[in-house]
Amino acid sequence: MRLFNSSNFQFFLLSGFSGLEVYHPQLSILFCALYLIAIIGNSTILMVIWVEQSLHEPMYLFLSMLAISDLGLCATTLPTILRIFWFNNREIYFDACLAQMYFIHIFSMIESGILLSMAFDRYIAISNPLRYTTILSSANIVKISLGFVLRAFIILIPAPVLIKQLKFCQANVLSHSYCLHPDIIKLSCSDHRVNSFLGLTVIIITFGVDSVLILLSYVKILTTVLSIASQEERVKALNTCVSHICAVLLVYVPMLGVSIIHRFGKYVPSIVHIIMGYVYLLVPPVLNPVVYCIKTREIRIRILGLCQKIPSNKC
């Protein structure tokens, strides 16, 4: 079997729904609708927070960052997914695939960091409200945000560099309509144990650590809330966390599912791999703004207020 160095390996072939190619035009309508909901929803949240001075608080600033990361995820995956479903154009050049992989994982990692920041925000707001604005000042929010962005960019640099060292065979068909790290390295004909170990290590020290810290934050929040005497105040305090808990579940459950299937799902039907891949990419950007618009009274009121300012035939 002929081996190719990464410098000679030209392109990968992306995959849609194998065996259902004839239905790709119809499926493209669904994906267009999902992307449209994600883009409009997250852009609306950004616009509302930007326009309304009263929403320039830590909780909503973190929410705007979450919306930006969701939009970045959409922008990274939209071109290849719609190109497949509209034009059946499956080719993606090797370097372009690595770039897409890099930014998909970066935005996912940034989103995880933002969710951790939001958990910390809720903990401070409930357990130490008098020092809330002091601890989460504008300067500290900028530092926290830059820290998570730099963490993602730096910790993921070795991934494309190490993939460049691999050798590939004739097989070049990826499992999804976009490029993911485990999907690329499994096509390599050379020893990719280092790449696999790197991927697992990155998941543990980022998503693993973030999820544990989020859990600890909610343990502390629950402890604080249970010490409150009034039942009404307990419910009110916990209600401020519902949106964030939903956002955490929307991000971590699909991510965990994709990771488990890629590593241990050798005998799982291919359609399960495909569907979980789309769930992982599209569910958080689509549902995050919906959850926050429904569960966050301040956001909902501001959106309705903006609609009322627009002539009824345009809103």
Protein backbone atom coordinates (compact mmCIF):
# COMPACT_ATOMS: atom_id res chain seq x y z
CA MET A 1 0.00 0.00 0.00
CA ARG A 2 1.43 3.34 -1.05
CA LEU A 3 2.16 5.89 1.69
CA PHE A 4 1.93 9.67 1.24
CA ASN A 5 3.72 12.31 3.30
CA SER A 6 1.46 15.12 4.42
CA SER A 7 3.25 17.41 1.94
CA ASN A 8 2.18 15.12 -0.93
CA PHE A 9 -1.28 14.25 0.39
CA GLN A 10 -3.67 16.46 -1.56
CA PHE A 11 -7.16 16.30 -0.11
CA PHE A 12 -9.76 14.52 2.00
CA LEU A 13 -13.29 13.61 0.98
CA LEU A 14 -15.98 14.80 3.38
CA SER A 15 -19.15 12.77 3.94
CA GLY A 16 -22.82 13.64 4.12
CA PHE A 17 -25.43 11.01 4.84
CA SER A 18 -24.05 7.92 3.10
CA GLY A 19 -26.71 6.17 1.05
CA LEU A 20 -29.04 9.16 1.25
CA GLU A 21 -27.28 11.39 -1.29
CA VAL A 22 -30.47 11.68 -3.32
CA TYR A 23 -32.11 13.41 -0.34
CA HIS A 24 -29.27 15.88 0.25
CA PRO A 25 -31.14 18.82 -1.37
CA GLN A 26 -34.07 18.26 1.01
CA LEU A 27 -31.75 17.82 3.99
CA SER A 28 -30.03 21.07 3.06
CA ILE A 29 -33.28 22.91 3.86
CA LEU A 30 -33.11 21.58 7.42
CA PHE A 31 -29.47 22.60 7.82
CA CYS A 32 -30.13 26.05 6.34
CA ALA A 33 -32.98 26.53 8.81
CA LEU A 34 -30.81 25.45 11.76
CA TYR A 35 -27.93 27.72 10.76
CA LEU A 36 -30.36 30.60 10.19
CA ILE A 37 -31.84 30.14 13.68
CA ALA A 38 -28.35 29.97 15.20
CA ILE A 39 -27.08 33.07 13.39
CA ILE A 40 -30.19 35.19 13.99
CA GLY A 41 -30.55 34.07 17.61
CA ASN A 42 -26.95 34.69 18.63
CA SER A 43 -26.74 37.95 16.64
CA THR A 44 -29.92 39.18 18.35
CA ILE A 45 -28.48 38.46 21.80
CA LEU A 46 -25.26 40.31 20.86
CA MET A 47 -27.20 43.30 19.53
CA VAL A 48 -29.49 43.51 22.57
CA ILE A 49 -26.57 43.35 25.03
CA TRP A 50 -24.60 45.90 22.98
CA VAL A 51 -27.50 48.38 22.75
CA GLU A 52 -28.88 48.10 26.29
CA GLN A 53 -26.53 49.75 28.80
CA SER A 54 -28.38 48.08 31.68
CA LEU A 55 -27.18 44.68 30.39
CA HIS A 56 -23.50 45.61 30.56
CA GLU A 57 -23.06 43.35 33.57
CA PRO A 58 -20.74 40.32 34.00
CA MET A 59 -23.49 37.74 33.44
CA TYR A 60 -24.57 39.27 30.12
CA LEU A 61 -21.02 40.05 28.98
CA PHE A 62 -20.18 36.35 29.39
CA LEU A 63 -23.38 35.51 27.52
CA SER A 64 -22.30 37.75 24.63
CA MET A 65 -18.97 35.89 24.50
CA LEU A 66 -20.87 32.60 24.39
CA ALA A 67 -22.86 33.95 21.43
CA ILE A 68 -19.64 34.98 19.66
CA SER A 69 -18.15 31.51 20.10
CA ASP A 70 -21.37 29.95 18.75
CA LEU A 71 -21.25 32.24 15.71
CA GLY A 72 -17.59 31.33 15.19
CA LEU A 73 -18.51 27.64 15.24
CA CYS A 74 -21.24 28.27 12.65
CA ALA A 75 -18.91 30.26 10.39
CA THR A 76 -16.26 27.51 10.56
CA THR A 77 -18.57 24.63 9.58
CA LEU A 78 -21.23 26.27 7.40
CA PRO A 79 -19.21 26.40 4.11
CA THR A 80 -18.30 22.72 3.93
CA ILE A 81 -21.65 21.38 5.15
CA LEU A 82 -23.75 23.39 2.69
CA ARG A 83 -21.25 22.78 -0.14
CA ILE A 84 -21.81 19.03 0.26
CA PHE A 85 -25.60 19.21 0.50
CA TRP A 86 -26.02 21.78 -2.26
CA PHE A 87 -23.35 20.87 -4.80
CA ASN A 88 -22.13 17.42 -3.68
CA ASN A 89 -18.62 18.92 -3.57
CA ARG A 90 -16.85 16.71 -1.06
CA GLU A 91 -13.19 17.63 -1.59
CA ILE A 92 -11.29 19.66 0.99
CA TYR A 93 -7.57 20.30 0.72
CA PHE A 94 -5.36 18.89 3.45
CA ASP A 95 -4.24 22.27 4.85
CA ALA A 96 -7.79 23.68 4.68
CA CYS A 97 -9.01 20.62 6.60
CA LEU A 98 -6.38 21.18 9.30
CA ALA A 99 -7.37 24.85 9.56
CA GLN A 100 -11.05 23.96 9.91
CA MET A 101 -10.24 21.29 12.52
CA TYR A 102 -8.13 23.78 14.48
CA PHE A 103 -10.84 26.44 14.63
CA ILE A 104 -13.67 24.01 15.37
CA HIS A 105 -11.81 22.73 18.42
CA ILE A 106 -10.74 26.27 19.40
CA PHE A 107 -14.31 27.60 19.46
CA SER A 108 -15.50 24.50 21.33
CA MET A 109 -12.75 24.97 23.94
CA ILE A 110 -13.47 28.69 24.28
CA GLU A 111 -17.15 27.86 24.79
CA SER A 112 -16.22 25.46 27.59
CA GLY A 113 -14.13 28.17 29.26
CA ILE A 114 -16.95 30.68 29.00
CA LEU A 115 -19.38 28.22 30.61
CA LEU A 116 -16.90 27.85 33.48
CA SER A 117 -16.74 31.66 33.78
CA MET A 118 -20.53 31.83 33.88
CA ALA A 119 -20.62 29.19 36.64
CA PHE A 120 -18.12 31.30 38.64
CA ASP A 121 -20.29 34.36 37.95
CA ARG A 122 -23.38 32.64 39.38
CA TYR A 123 -21.41 31.42 42.41
CA ILE A 124 -20.17 34.94 43.26
CA ALA A 125 -23.60 36.48 42.62
CA ILE A 126 -25.30 34.07 45.04
CA SER A 127 -22.64 33.52 47.72
CA ASN A 128 -21.02 36.98 47.84
CA PRO A 129 -23.36 39.52 46.19
CA LEU A 130 -21.88 42.54 47.97
CA ARG A 131 -18.48 41.98 46.31
CA TYR A 132 -19.93 40.85 42.97
CA THR A 133 -19.03 43.94 40.94
CA THR A 134 -15.64 44.22 42.66
CA ILE A 135 -14.56 40.64 41.93
CA LEU A 136 -16.02 40.58 38.42
CA SER A 137 -14.92 44.03 37.33
CA SER A 138 -14.56 44.89 33.64
CA ALA A 139 -10.79 44.46 33.85
CA ASN A 140 -11.11 41.03 35.43
CA ILE A 141 -13.67 39.93 32.84
CA VAL A 142 -11.27 40.93 30.04
CA LYS A 143 -8.44 39.00 31.72
CA ILE A 144 -10.59 35.90 32.19
CA SER A 145 -11.77 36.02 28.58
CA LEU A 146 -8.29 36.53 27.14
CA GLY A 147 -7.02 33.71 29.33
CA PHE A 148 -9.51 31.21 27.89
CA VAL A 149 -8.89 32.39 24.32
CA LEU A 150 -5.11 32.08 24.70
CA ARG A 151 -5.51 28.70 26.40
CA ALA A 152 -7.42 27.38 23.39
CA PHE A 153 -5.02 28.79 20.77
CA ILE A 154 -1.85 27.65 22.53
CA ILE A 155 -2.91 24.21 23.74
CA LEU A 156 -4.17 23.21 20.27
CA ILE A 157 -1.06 24.28 18.32
CA PRO A 158 0.58 20.79 18.57
CA ALA A 159 -2.46 19.06 16.98
CA PRO A 160 -2.02 20.23 13.35
CA VAL A 161 1.77 20.19 13.72
CA LEU A 162 1.77 16.51 14.74
CA ILE A 163 -0.76 15.58 12.04
CA LYS A 164 1.65 17.10 9.52
CA GLN A 165 4.19 14.44 10.55
CA LEU A 166 1.83 11.55 9.76
CA LYS A 167 1.75 9.48 6.60
CA PHE A 168 -1.51 8.73 4.80
CA CYS A 169 -2.62 5.96 2.47
CA GLN A 170 -5.13 5.94 -0.37
CA ALA A 171 -8.03 6.03 2.11
CA ASN A 172 -9.08 9.67 2.49
CA VAL A 173 -12.81 9.61 3.31
CA LEU A 174 -13.74 11.38 6.55
CA SER A 175 -16.83 10.45 8.56
CA HIS A 176 -18.35 13.94 8.73
CA SER A 177 -19.04 17.03 6.63
CA TYR A 178 -16.24 18.81 8.45
CA CYS A 179 -12.81 17.98 9.89
CA LEU A 180 -12.27 16.72 13.44
CA HIS A 181 -8.99 15.64 15.04
CA PRO A 182 -9.90 11.98 15.80
CA ASP A 183 -11.50 11.61 12.37
CA ILE A 184 -8.31 12.72 10.58
CA ILE A 185 -5.76 10.71 12.55
CA LYS A 186 -7.67 7.43 12.17
CA LEU A 187 -6.98 7.61 8.39
CA SER A 188 -3.23 7.68 8.97
CA CYS A 189 -1.21 4.60 8.03
CA SER A 190 1.61 5.52 10.40
CA ASP A 191 1.70 5.25 14.17
CA HIS A 192 -0.63 7.94 15.53
CA ARG A 193 -0.60 6.97 19.20
CA VAL A 194 1.09 10.28 20.10
CA ASN A 195 -1.71 12.19 18.32
CA SER A 196 -4.36 10.13 20.06
CA PHE A 197 -2.69 10.64 23.46
CA LEU A 198 -2.46 14.39 22.77
CA GLY A 199 -6.17 14.55 21.94
CA LEU A 200 -7.13 12.68 25.10
CA THR A 201 -4.80 14.86 27.20
CA VAL A 202 -6.26 18.07 25.77
CA ILE A 203 -9.81 16.86 26.52
CA ILE A 204 -8.89 15.98 30.11
CA ILE A 205 -7.03 19.20 30.98
CA THR A 206 -9.61 21.47 29.34
CA PHE A 207 -13.13 20.05 29.11
CA GLY A 208 -12.47 17.60 31.95
CA VAL A 209 -11.11 20.23 34.34
CA ASP A 210 -13.76 22.77 33.28
CA SER A 211 -16.61 20.32 33.89
CA VAL A 212 -15.27 19.38 37.34
CA LEU A 213 -14.92 23.05 38.31
CA ILE A 214 -18.43 23.78 37.03
CA LEU A 215 -19.76 20.90 39.14
CA LEU A 216 -17.89 22.17 42.22
CA SER A 217 -19.29 25.66 41.62
CA TYR A 218 -22.82 24.28 41.68
CA VAL A 219 -22.13 22.25 44.79
CA LYS A 220 -21.07 25.49 46.49
CA ILE A 221 -24.09 27.31 45.03
CA LEU A 222 -26.45 24.61 46.30
CA THR A 223 -24.84 24.73 49.74
CA THR A 224 -25.29 28.50 49.87
CA VAL A 225 -28.88 28.37 48.63
CA LEU A 226 -29.89 25.71 51.16
CA SER A 227 -28.65 27.97 53.96
CA ILE A 228 -31.16 30.63 52.94
CA ALA A 229 -34.15 30.60 55.25
CA SER A 230 -36.85 31.76 52.85
CA GLN A 231 -38.19 29.19 50.36
CA GLU A 232 -39.08 31.98 47.93
CA GLU A 233 -35.53 33.34 47.97
CA ARG A 234 -34.13 29.83 47.40
CA VAL A 235 -36.27 29.39 44.29
CA LYS A 236 -35.36 32.87 43.06
CA ALA A 237 -31.63 32.21 43.51
CA LEU A 238 -31.72 28.82 41.79
CA ASN A 239 -33.84 30.21 38.94
CA THR A 240 -30.96 32.49 37.93
CA CYS A 241 -28.88 29.33 37.24
CA VAL A 242 -31.37 27.43 35.10
CA SER A 243 -30.28 28.95 31.77
CA HIS A 244 -26.63 28.27 32.48
CA ILE A 245 -27.31 24.67 33.53
CA CYS A 246 -29.18 24.12 30.24
CA ALA A 247 -26.29 25.64 28.27
CA VAL A 248 -23.79 23.36 30.06
CA LEU A 249 -25.87 20.27 29.25
CA LEU A 250 -26.32 21.37 25.62
CA VAL A 251 -22.55 21.63 25.17
CA TYR A 252 -21.16 18.80 27.28
CA VAL A 253 -23.65 15.99 26.57
CA PRO A 254 -23.18 16.01 22.75
CA MET A 255 -19.42 16.55 23.17
CA LEU A 256 -19.15 13.57 25.50
CA GLY A 257 -21.25 11.49 23.12
CA VAL A 258 -19.04 12.28 20.10
CA SER A 259 -15.83 11.58 22.07
CA ILE A 260 -17.12 8.22 23.35
CA ILE A 261 -18.35 7.13 19.92
CA HIS A 262 -15.08 8.08 18.20
CA ARG A 263 -12.95 6.23 20.74
CA PHE A 264 -15.08 3.23 21.65
CA GLY A 265 -17.84 2.98 19.04
CA LYS A 266 -16.16 0.79 16.43
CA TYR A 267 -19.30 -1.34 16.05
CA VAL A 268 -21.80 1.51 16.28
CA PRO A 269 -23.71 2.08 13.00
CA SER A 270 -22.21 4.85 10.86
CA ILE A 271 -25.47 6.80 10.92
CA VAL A 272 -25.08 7.22 14.69
CA HIS A 273 -21.59 8.73 14.17
CA ILE A 274 -23.00 11.13 11.57
CA ILE A 275 -26.01 12.26 13.59
CA MET A 276 -24.00 12.72 16.80
CA GLY A 277 -21.49 14.81 14.84
CA TYR A 278 -24.21 17.19 13.68
CA VAL A 279 -25.80 17.27 17.15
CA TYR A 280 -22.40 18.21 18.64
CA LEU A 281 -21.97 21.09 16.18
CA LEU A 282 -25.47 22.48 15.79
CA VAL A 283 -27.40 21.90 19.03
CA PRO A 284 -25.48 24.42 21.22
CA PRO A 285 -25.51 27.34 18.71
CA VAL A 286 -29.18 26.74 17.85
CA LEU A 287 -30.59 26.18 21.34
CA ASN A 288 -28.38 28.42 23.52
CA PRO A 289 -30.05 31.68 22.37
CA VAL A 290 -33.49 30.04 22.54
CA VAL A 291 -32.89 28.94 26.15
CA TYR A 292 -31.58 32.34 27.22
CA CYS A 293 -34.39 34.21 25.50
CA ILE A 294 -37.02 32.02 27.19
CA LYS A 295 -35.45 31.70 30.65
CA THR A 296 -33.79 35.12 31.07
CA ARG A 297 -36.44 37.74 31.73
CA GLU A 298 -34.17 40.74 31.09
CA ILE A 299 -33.13 39.48 27.64
CA ARG A 300 -36.73 38.62 26.71
CA ILE A 301 -38.03 42.04 27.78
CA ARG A 302 -35.32 43.88 25.82
CA ILE A 303 -35.98 41.84 22.67
CA LEU A 304 -39.72 42.51 22.90
CA GLY A 305 -38.95 46.17 23.50
CA LEU A 306 -36.80 46.37 20.37
CA CYS A 307 -39.54 44.68 18.35
CA GLN A 308 -42.07 47.23 19.54
CA LYS A 309 -39.82 50.04 18.30
CA ILE A 310 -39.82 48.52 14.81
CA PRO A 311 -42.94 48.96 12.66
CA SER A 312 -45.22 45.97 13.06
CA ASN A 313 -44.85 44.97 9.40
CA LYS A 314 -41.11 44.53 9.87
CA CYS A 315 -41.05 42.74 13.24
